[in-house]
Amino acid sequence: MSLKKFLPFEDYILTTTLPLREVQARLAENIEPKKAFRFSFFSRHSTKPYEGEMLGYSFSISRIISYRNSFLPAITGNISAFVGQTQIHVKMKPVLLVIIFMSFWLGVVGLVCIGMLIAGIFQIKQILHDGFSPMMLIPFAMFTFGYSLLYFAFKAESKKSREFLAALLNGHETI
Protein backbone atom coordinates (compact mmCIF):
# COMPACT_ATOMS: atom_id res chain seq x y z
CA MET A 1 0.00 0.00 0.00
CA SER A 2 1.37 3.37 -1.01
CA LEU A 3 1.14 6.44 1.22
CA LYS A 4 0.81 8.63 -1.88
CA LYS A 5 -2.90 7.95 -2.16
CA PHE A 6 -3.44 9.43 1.31
CA LEU A 7 -1.75 12.73 0.41
CA PRO A 8 -3.35 15.65 -1.44
CA PHE A 9 -1.12 15.38 -4.49
CA GLU A 10 -1.89 13.93 -7.90
CA ASP A 11 0.52 12.94 -10.65
CA TYR A 12 -0.79 11.21 -13.76
CA ILE A 13 -0.44 10.99 -17.53
CA LEU A 14 -3.30 11.81 -19.87
CA THR A 15 -2.97 10.19 -23.31
CA THR A 16 -4.82 11.40 -26.40
CA THR A 17 -4.80 10.77 -30.13
CA LEU A 18 -4.96 14.51 -30.82
CA PRO A 19 -1.84 16.05 -32.41
CA LEU A 20 0.53 18.03 -30.20
CA ARG A 21 -0.48 21.38 -31.72
CA GLU A 22 -4.19 20.64 -31.25
CA VAL A 23 -3.63 19.87 -27.57
CA GLN A 24 -1.74 23.15 -27.19
CA ALA A 25 -4.48 25.07 -28.99
CA ARG A 26 -7.31 23.54 -26.94
CA LEU A 27 -5.54 24.29 -23.69
CA ALA A 28 -4.68 27.85 -24.76
CA GLU A 29 -8.33 28.48 -25.70
CA ASN A 30 -9.37 27.66 -22.13
CA ILE A 31 -6.74 29.63 -20.22
CA GLU A 32 -6.77 33.35 -19.50
CA PRO A 33 -3.97 35.35 -17.88
CA LYS A 34 -3.81 35.20 -14.10
CA LYS A 35 -5.28 38.18 -12.25
CA ALA A 36 -3.97 39.35 -8.88
CA PHE A 37 -7.50 39.81 -7.53
CA ARG A 38 -10.62 38.24 -8.92
CA PHE A 39 -13.90 39.58 -7.56
CA SER A 40 -16.87 38.31 -9.53
CA PHE A 41 -19.19 41.04 -8.21
CA PHE A 42 -16.87 43.86 -9.40
CA SER A 43 -15.91 42.61 -12.83
CA ARG A 44 -17.31 40.54 -15.64
CA HIS A 45 -17.51 36.83 -15.19
CA SER A 46 -14.72 34.94 -16.86
CA THR A 47 -15.45 33.30 -20.19
CA LYS A 48 -12.67 30.76 -19.71
CA PRO A 49 -12.58 28.04 -17.06
CA TYR A 50 -8.87 28.33 -16.12
CA GLU A 51 -6.33 31.02 -15.44
CA GLY A 52 -2.57 30.77 -15.70
CA GLU A 53 -0.05 30.56 -18.47
CA MET A 54 1.04 28.34 -21.29
CA LEU A 55 4.73 28.42 -22.17
CA GLY A 56 5.57 26.25 -25.16
CA TYR A 57 4.76 22.69 -24.22
CA SER A 58 4.24 23.44 -20.52
CA PHE A 59 1.38 25.00 -18.61
CA SER A 60 0.63 26.21 -15.11
CA ILE A 61 -3.07 26.75 -14.39
CA SER A 62 -5.79 26.81 -11.75
CA ARG A 63 -9.54 26.65 -12.12
CA ILE A 64 -11.50 29.91 -12.01
CA ILE A 65 -14.25 29.65 -9.42
CA SER A 66 -16.83 32.13 -8.15
CA TYR A 67 -16.34 31.09 -4.53
CA ARG A 68 -13.38 30.96 -2.16
CA ASN A 69 -11.59 27.63 -1.79
CA SER A 70 -8.05 27.56 -0.43
CA PHE A 71 -7.70 23.90 -1.41
CA LEU A 72 -8.04 24.54 -5.14
CA PRO A 73 -5.22 22.63 -6.86
CA ALA A 74 -2.35 24.33 -8.63
CA ILE A 75 -2.01 22.36 -11.87
CA THR A 76 1.17 22.04 -13.90
CA GLY A 77 1.70 19.98 -16.98
CA ASN A 78 4.02 19.08 -19.84
CA ILE A 79 2.87 18.05 -23.31
CA SER A 80 4.91 15.59 -25.38
CA ALA A 81 4.52 13.36 -28.42
CA PHE A 82 4.80 9.64 -27.78
CA VAL A 83 4.42 6.84 -30.35
CA GLY A 84 1.75 8.48 -32.51
CA GLN A 85 -0.08 9.88 -29.48
CA THR A 86 0.21 12.93 -27.31
CA GLN A 87 0.86 12.62 -23.59
CA ILE A 88 0.13 15.30 -21.03
CA HIS A 89 1.94 14.77 -17.74
CA VAL A 90 -0.27 16.49 -15.16
CA LYS A 91 0.65 17.32 -11.56
CA MET A 92 -1.81 18.77 -9.06
CA LYS A 93 -1.05 19.98 -5.57
CA PRO A 94 -2.37 22.53 -3.08
CA VAL A 95 -0.82 25.98 -3.24
CA LEU A 96 2.35 26.47 -1.18
CA LEU A 97 0.74 28.55 1.60
CA VAL A 98 -1.88 25.84 2.20
CA ILE A 99 0.83 23.17 2.35
CA ILE A 100 2.81 25.22 4.88
CA PHE A 101 -0.22 26.07 7.06
CA MET A 102 -1.63 22.54 7.06
CA SER A 103 1.80 21.02 7.74
CA PHE A 104 2.12 23.30 10.76
CA TRP A 105 -1.45 22.54 11.93
CA LEU A 106 -1.19 18.77 11.51
CA GLY A 107 2.38 18.71 12.88
CA VAL A 108 1.56 20.56 16.10
CA VAL A 109 -1.70 18.73 16.73
CA GLY A 110 -0.06 15.41 15.79
CA LEU A 111 2.69 15.99 18.36
CA VAL A 112 0.07 16.73 21.01
CA CYS A 113 -1.72 13.49 20.09
CA ILE A 114 1.51 11.49 20.35
CA GLY A 115 2.30 13.13 23.69
CA MET A 116 -1.15 12.27 24.99
CA LEU A 117 -0.79 8.66 23.87
CA ILE A 118 2.58 8.32 25.58
CA ALA A 119 1.27 9.96 28.75
CA GLY A 120 -1.78 7.68 28.62
CA ILE A 121 0.41 4.58 28.39
CA PHE A 122 2.46 5.62 31.41
CA GLN A 123 -0.61 6.63 33.42
CA ILE A 124 -2.97 3.82 32.42
CA LYS A 125 -3.62 2.76 36.04
CA GLN A 126 -4.61 6.29 37.06
CA ILE A 127 -6.86 6.67 33.99
CA LEU A 128 -8.58 3.37 34.73
CA HIS A 129 -9.03 4.35 38.37
CA ASP A 130 -10.19 7.95 37.82
CA GLY A 131 -12.08 7.35 34.58
CA PHE A 132 -11.54 8.45 31.02
CA SER A 133 -12.20 12.10 30.15
CA PRO A 134 -13.71 12.76 26.70
CA MET A 135 -11.78 16.05 26.65
CA MET A 136 -8.69 13.98 25.88
CA LEU A 137 -10.16 13.26 22.42
CA ILE A 138 -10.16 16.93 21.32
CA PRO A 139 -6.64 16.91 19.79
CA PHE A 140 -7.46 13.69 17.90
CA ALA A 141 -10.67 15.27 16.58
CA MET A 142 -8.70 18.39 15.55
CA PHE A 143 -6.17 16.27 13.67
CA THR A 144 -8.90 14.25 11.95
CA PHE A 145 -10.80 17.41 11.00
CA GLY A 146 -7.69 19.15 9.59
CA TYR A 147 -6.61 16.13 7.56
CA SER A 148 -10.14 15.45 6.27
CA LEU A 149 -10.62 19.08 5.26
CA LEU A 150 -7.33 19.14 3.36
CA TYR A 151 -7.78 15.77 1.68
CA PHE A 152 -11.45 15.84 0.71
CA ALA A 153 -11.61 19.51 -0.32
CA PHE A 154 -8.54 19.03 -2.52
CA LYS A 155 -9.79 15.76 -4.04
CA ALA A 156 -13.22 17.25 -4.84
CA GLU A 157 -11.61 20.10 -6.76
CA SER A 158 -8.95 17.96 -8.44
CA LYS A 159 -11.63 15.54 -9.67
CA LYS A 160 -13.37 18.40 -11.52
CA SER A 161 -10.11 19.38 -13.23
CA ARG A 162 -9.26 15.77 -14.13
CA GLU A 163 -12.64 15.30 -15.75
CA PHE A 164 -12.47 18.63 -17.59
CA LEU A 165 -8.98 17.98 -19.00
CA ALA A 166 -9.89 14.45 -20.09
CA ALA A 167 -13.03 15.69 -21.87
CA LEU A 168 -11.30 18.71 -23.43
CA LEU A 169 -8.44 16.66 -24.83
CA ASN A 170 -10.39 13.46 -25.65
CA GLY A 171 -7.93 11.66 -23.41
CA HIS A 172 -7.71 8.85 -20.95
CA GLU A 173 -5.45 8.35 -17.97
CA THR A 174 -2.63 5.88 -18.43
CA ILE A 175 -0.90 6.24 -15.05
C-alpha atoms as a PDB file:
ATOM      1  CA  MET A   1       0.000   0.000   0.000  1.00  0.00           C
ATOM      2  CA  SER A   2       1.372   3.370  -1.008  1.00  0.00           C
ATOM      3  CA  LEU A   3       1.136   6.435   1.216  1.00  0.00           C
ATOM      4  CA  LYS A   4       0.810   8.630  -1.883  1.00  0.00           C
ATOM      5  CA  LYS A   5      -2.904   7.948  -2.164  1.00  0.00           C
ATOM      6  CA  PHE A   6      -3.445   9.434   1.313  1.00  0.00           C
ATOM      7  CA  LEU A   7      -1.750  12.727   0.410  1.00  0.00           C
ATOM      8  CA  PRO A   8      -3.346  15.649  -1.437  1.00  0.00           C
ATOM      9  CA  PHE A   9      -1.122  15.379  -4.494  1.00  0.00           C
ATOM     10  CA  GLU A  10      -1.891  13.930  -7.902  1.00  0.00           C
ATOM     11  CA  ASP A  11       0.516  12.937 -10.648  1.00  0.00           C
ATOM     12  CA  TYR A  12      -0.794  11.210 -13.759  1.00  0.00           C
ATOM     13  CA  ILE A  13      -0.439  10.992 -17.532  1.00  0.00           C
ATOM     14  CA  LEU A  14      -3.297  11.809 -19.870  1.00  0.00           C
ATOM     15  CA  THR A  15      -2.971  10.186 -23.306  1.00  0.00           C
ATOM     16  CA  THR A  16      -4.817  11.401 -26.401  1.00  0.00           C
ATOM     17  CA  THR A  17      -4.799  10.774 -30.132  1.00  0.00           C
ATOM     18  CA  LEU A  18      -4.956  14.513 -30.816  1.00  0.00           C
ATOM     19  CA  PRO A  19      -1.843  16.046 -32.410  1.00  0.00           C
ATOM     20  CA  LEU A  20       0.531  18.025 -30.203  1.00  0.00           C
ATOM     21  CA  ARG A  21      -0.478  21.382 -31.722  1.00  0.00           C
ATOM     22  CA  GLU A  22      -4.193  20.636 -31.246  1.00  0.00           C
ATOM     23  CA  VAL A  23      -3.629  19.870 -27.566  1.00  0.00           C
ATOM     24  CA  GLN A  24      -1.738  23.147 -27.190  1.00  0.00           C
ATOM     25  CA  ALA A  25      -4.480  25.071 -28.994  1.00  0.00           C
ATOM     26  CA  ARG A  26      -7.308  23.542 -26.942  1.00  0.00           C
ATOM     27  CA  LEU A  27      -5.538  24.286 -23.687  1.00  0.00           C
ATOM     28  CA  ALA A  28      -4.680  27.845 -24.762  1.00  0.00           C
ATOM     29  CA  GLU A  29      -8.333  28.484 -25.697  1.00  0.00           C
ATOM     30  CA  ASN A  30      -9.373  27.657 -22.130  1.00  0.00           C
ATOM     31  CA  ILE A  31      -6.739  29.633 -20.219  1.00  0.00           C
ATOM     32  CA  GLU A  32      -6.772  33.347 -19.495  1.00  0.00           C
ATOM     33  CA  PRO A  33      -3.966  35.354 -17.877  1.00  0.00           C
ATOM     34  CA  LYS A  34      -3.807  35.200 -14.096  1.00  0.00           C
ATOM     35  CA  LYS A  35      -5.277  38.175 -12.249  1.00  0.00           C
ATOM     36  CA  ALA A  36      -3.970  39.353  -8.882  1.00  0.00           C
ATOM     37  CA  PHE A  37      -7.498  39.814  -7.530  1.00  0.00           C
ATOM     38  CA  ARG A  38     -10.616  38.239  -8.923  1.00  0.00           C
ATOM     39  CA  PHE A  39     -13.897  39.584  -7.562  1.00  0.00           C
ATOM     40  CA  SER A  40     -16.868  38.313  -9.525  1.00  0.00           C
ATOM     41  CA  PHE A  41     -19.192  41.040  -8.211  1.00  0.00           C
ATOM     42  CA  PHE A  42     -16.867  43.864  -9.398  1.00  0.00           C
ATOM     43  CA  SER A  43     -15.914  42.608 -12.834  1.00  0.00           C
ATOM     44  CA  ARG A  44     -17.308  40.537 -15.643  1.00  0.00           C
ATOM     45  CA  HIS A  45     -17.513  36.825 -15.195  1.00  0.00           C
ATOM     46  CA  SER A  46     -14.723  34.939 -16.861  1.00  0.00           C
ATOM     47  CA  THR A  47     -15.446  33.298 -20.186  1.00  0.00           C
ATOM     48  CA  LYS A  48     -12.673  30.765 -19.707  1.00  0.00           C
ATOM     49  CA  PRO A  49     -12.580  28.045 -17.056  1.00  0.00           C
ATOM     50  CA  TYR A  50      -8.873  28.332 -16.124  1.00  0.00           C
ATOM     51  CA  GLU A  51      -6.325  31.021 -15.444  1.00  0.00           C
ATOM     52  CA  GLY A  52      -2.574  30.774 -15.702  1.00  0.00           C
ATOM     53  CA  GLU A  53      -0.051  30.562 -18.473  1.00  0.00           C
ATOM     54  CA  MET A  54       1.036  28.338 -21.295  1.00  0.00           C
ATOM     55  CA  LEU A  55       4.733  28.415 -22.167  1.00  0.00           C
ATOM     56  CA  GLY A  56       5.567  26.248 -25.157  1.00  0.00           C
ATOM     57  CA  TYR A  57       4.758  22.690 -24.217  1.00  0.00           C
ATOM     58  CA  SER A  58       4.242  23.438 -20.516  1.00  0.00           C
ATOM     59  CA  PHE A  59       1.380  25.001 -18.612  1.00  0.00           C
ATOM     60  CA  SER A  60       0.627  26.205 -15.109  1.00  0.00           C
ATOM     61  CA  ILE A  61      -3.071  26.751 -14.392  1.00  0.00           C
ATOM     62  CA  SER A  62      -5.789  26.813 -11.752  1.00  0.00           C
ATOM     63  CA  ARG A  63      -9.542  26.651 -12.115  1.00  0.00           C
ATOM     64  CA  ILE A  64     -11.503  29.909 -12.010  1.00  0.00           C
ATOM     65  CA  ILE A  65     -14.251  29.648  -9.416  1.00  0.00           C
ATOM     66  CA  SER A  66     -16.826  32.132  -8.153  1.00  0.00           C
ATOM     67  CA  TYR A  67     -16.344  31.089  -4.530  1.00  0.00           C
ATOM     68  CA  ARG A  68     -13.383  30.957  -2.162  1.00  0.00           C
ATOM     69  CA  ASN A  69     -11.588  27.633  -1.788  1.00  0.00           C
ATOM     70  CA  SER A  70      -8.051  27.564  -0.430  1.00  0.00           C
ATOM     71  CA  PHE A  71      -7.704  23.903  -1.407  1.00  0.00           C
ATOM     72  CA  LEU A  72      -8.042  24.538  -5.143  1.00  0.00           C
ATOM     73  CA  PRO A  73      -5.218  22.632  -6.856  1.00  0.00           C
ATOM     74  CA  ALA A  74      -2.354  24.329  -8.631  1.00  0.00           C
ATOM     75  CA  ILE A  75      -2.012  22.360 -11.874  1.00  0.00           C
ATOM     76  CA  THR A  76       1.168  22.043 -13.903  1.00  0.00           C
ATOM     77  CA  GLY A  77       1.698  19.976 -16.978  1.00  0.00           C
ATOM     78  CA  ASN A  78       4.017  19.080 -19.842  1.00  0.00           C
ATOM     79  CA  ILE A  79       2.872  18.050 -23.308  1.00  0.00           C
ATOM     80  CA  SER A  80       4.906  15.590 -25.376  1.00  0.00           C
ATOM     81  CA  ALA A  81       4.520  13.362 -28.423  1.00  0.00           C
ATOM     82  CA  PHE A  82       4.803   9.636 -27.777  1.00  0.00           C
ATOM     83  CA  VAL A  83       4.419   6.836 -30.349  1.00  0.00           C
ATOM     84  CA  GLY A  84       1.753   8.477 -32.505  1.00  0.00           C
ATOM     85  CA  GLN A  85      -0.083   9.879 -29.479  1.00  0.00           C
ATOM     86  CA  THR A  86       0.212  12.928 -27.306  1.00  0.00           C
ATOM     87  CA  GLN A  87       0.858  12.621 -23.591  1.00  0.00           C
ATOM     88  CA  ILE A  88       0.127  15.298 -21.033  1.00  0.00           C
ATOM     89  CA  HIS A  89       1.941  14.766 -17.736  1.00  0.00           C
ATOM     90  CA  VAL A  90      -0.268  16.487 -15.159  1.00  0.00           C
ATOM     91  CA  LYS A  91       0.652  17.317 -11.557  1.00  0.00           C
ATOM     92  CA  MET A  92      -1.812  18.767  -9.060  1.00  0.00           C
ATOM     93  CA  LYS A  93      -1.045  19.983  -5.571  1.00  0.00           C
ATOM     94  CA  PRO A  94      -2.372  22.532  -3.080  1.00  0.00           C
ATOM     95  CA  VAL A  95      -0.824  25.985  -3.238  1.00  0.00           C
ATOM     96  CA  LEU A  96       2.353  26.465  -1.183  1.00  0.00           C
ATOM     97  CA  LEU A  97       0.739  28.551   1.603  1.00  0.00           C
ATOM     98  CA  VAL A  98      -1.879  25.839   2.201  1.00  0.00           C
ATOM     99  CA  ILE A  99       0.831  23.171   2.352  1.00  0.00           C
ATOM    100  CA  ILE A 100       2.811  25.223   4.882  1.00  0.00           C
ATOM    101  CA  PHE A 101      -0.216  26.067   7.058  1.00  0.00           C
ATOM    102  CA  MET A 102      -1.635  22.542   7.055  1.00  0.00           C
ATOM    103  CA  SER A 103       1.799  21.021   7.743  1.00  0.00           C
ATOM    104  CA  PHE A 104       2.119  23.298  10.759  1.00  0.00           C
ATOM    105  CA  TRP A 105      -1.449  22.540  11.930  1.00  0.00           C
ATOM    106  CA  LEU A 106      -1.187  18.772  11.512  1.00  0.00           C
ATOM    107  CA  GLY A 107       2.375  18.711  12.878  1.00  0.00           C
ATOM    108  CA  VAL A 108       1.562  20.561  16.102  1.00  0.00           C
ATOM    109  CA  VAL A 109      -1.704  18.728  16.728  1.00  0.00           C
ATOM    110  CA  GLY A 110      -0.057  15.409  15.787  1.00  0.00           C
ATOM    111  CA  LEU A 111       2.695  15.989  18.357  1.00  0.00           C
ATOM    112  CA  VAL A 112       0.073  16.735  21.012  1.00  0.00           C
ATOM    113  CA  CYS A 113      -1.717  13.492  20.091  1.00  0.00           C
ATOM    114  CA  ILE A 114       1.509  11.493  20.350  1.00  0.00           C
ATOM    115  CA  GLY A 115       2.298  13.132  23.689  1.00  0.00           C
ATOM    116  CA  MET A 116      -1.149  12.274  24.994  1.00  0.00           C
ATOM    117  CA  LEU A 117      -0.793   8.657  23.866  1.00  0.00           C
ATOM    118  CA  ILE A 118       2.581   8.320  25.579  1.00  0.00           C
ATOM    119  CA  ALA A 119       1.269   9.959  28.754  1.00  0.00           C
ATOM    120  CA  GLY A 120      -1.779   7.683  28.625  1.00  0.00           C
ATOM    121  CA  ILE A 121       0.414   4.584  28.385  1.00  0.00           C
ATOM    122  CA  PHE A 122       2.462   5.616  31.411  1.00  0.00           C
ATOM    123  CA  GLN A 123      -0.606   6.628  33.419  1.00  0.00           C
ATOM    124  CA  ILE A 124      -2.968   3.816  32.419  1.00  0.00           C
ATOM    125  CA  LYS A 125      -3.621   2.761  36.037  1.00  0.00           C
ATOM    126  CA  GLN A 126      -4.611   6.289  37.056  1.00  0.00           C
ATOM    127  CA  ILE A 127      -6.862   6.673  33.989  1.00  0.00           C
ATOM    128  CA  LEU A 128      -8.582   3.373  34.725  1.00  0.00           C
ATOM    129  CA  HIS A 129      -9.031   4.345  38.373  1.00  0.00           C
ATOM    130  CA  ASP A 130     -10.193   7.955  37.823  1.00  0.00           C
ATOM    131  CA  GLY A 131     -12.079   7.349  34.579  1.00  0.00           C
ATOM    132  CA  PHE A 132     -11.537   8.454  31.019  1.00  0.00           C
ATOM    133  CA  SER A 133     -12.198  12.099  30.147  1.00  0.00           C
ATOM    134  CA  PRO A 134     -13.714  12.761  26.696  1.00  0.00           C
ATOM    135  CA  MET A 135     -11.779  16.053  26.648  1.00  0.00           C
ATOM    136  CA  MET A 136      -8.693  13.978  25.883  1.00  0.00           C
ATOM    137  CA  LEU A 137     -10.157  13.260  22.424  1.00  0.00           C
ATOM    138  CA  ILE A 138     -10.158  16.929  21.322  1.00  0.00           C
ATOM    139  CA  PRO A 139      -6.639  16.907  19.790  1.00  0.00           C
ATOM    140  CA  PHE A 140      -7.462  13.690  17.904  1.00  0.00           C
ATOM    141  CA  ALA A 141     -10.666  15.272  16.577  1.00  0.00           C
ATOM    142  CA  MET A 142      -8.705  18.390  15.552  1.00  0.00           C
ATOM    143  CA  PHE A 143      -6.174  16.270  13.671  1.00  0.00           C
ATOM    144  CA  THR A 144      -8.899  14.247  11.952  1.00  0.00           C
ATOM    145  CA  PHE A 145     -10.800  17.411  10.996  1.00  0.00           C
ATOM    146  CA  GLY A 146      -7.692  19.145   9.585  1.00  0.00           C
ATOM    147  CA  TYR A 147      -6.608  16.132   7.559  1.00  0.00           C
ATOM    148  CA  SER A 148     -10.138  15.450   6.274  1.00  0.00           C
ATOM    149  CA  LEU A 149     -10.623  19.076   5.264  1.00  0.00           C
ATOM    150  CA  LEU A 150      -7.334  19.138   3.361  1.00  0.00           C
ATOM    151  CA  TYR A 151      -7.776  15.771   1.682  1.00  0.00           C
ATOM    152  CA  PHE A 152     -11.452  15.836   0.710  1.00  0.00           C
ATOM    153  CA  ALA A 153     -11.608  19.515  -0.315  1.00  0.00           C
ATOM    154  CA  PHE A 154      -8.538  19.032  -2.521  1.00  0.00           C
ATOM    155  CA  LYS A 155      -9.794  15.758  -4.039  1.00  0.00           C
ATOM    156  CA  ALA A 156     -13.218  17.246  -4.835  1.00  0.00           C
ATOM    157  CA  GLU A 157     -11.612  20.103  -6.758  1.00  0.00           C
ATOM    158  CA  SER A 158      -8.950  17.960  -8.439  1.00  0.00           C
ATOM    159  CA  LYS A 159     -11.630  15.544  -9.674  1.00  0.00           C
ATOM    160  CA  LYS A 160     -13.367  18.404 -11.517  1.00  0.00           C
ATOM    161  CA  SER A 161     -10.113  19.378 -13.230  1.00  0.00           C
ATOM    162  CA  ARG A 162      -9.259  15.771 -14.131  1.00  0.00           C
ATOM    163  CA  GLU A 163     -12.642  15.299 -15.755  1.00  0.00           C
ATOM    164  CA  PHE A 164     -12.466  18.627 -17.589  1.00  0.00           C
ATOM    165  CA  LEU A 165      -8.979  17.983 -18.996  1.00  0.00           C
ATOM    166  CA  ALA A 166      -9.887  14.449 -20.091  1.00  0.00           C
ATOM    167  CA  ALA A 167     -13.033  15.687 -21.872  1.00  0.00           C
ATOM    168  CA  LEU A 168     -11.298  18.708 -23.428  1.00  0.00           C
ATOM    169  CA  LEU A 169      -8.442  16.659 -24.828  1.00  0.00           C
ATOM    170  CA  ASN A 170     -10.392  13.459 -25.652  1.00  0.00           C
ATOM    171  CA  GLY A 171      -7.928  11.664 -23.414  1.00  0.00           C
ATOM    172  CA  HIS A 172      -7.705   8.848 -20.954  1.00  0.00           C
ATOM    173  CA  GLU A 173      -5.445   8.354 -17.973  1.00  0.00           C
ATOM    174  CA  THR A 174      -2.626   5.877 -18.431  1.00  0.00           C
ATOM    175  CA  ILE A 175      -0.904   6.236 -15.045  1.00  0.00           C
END
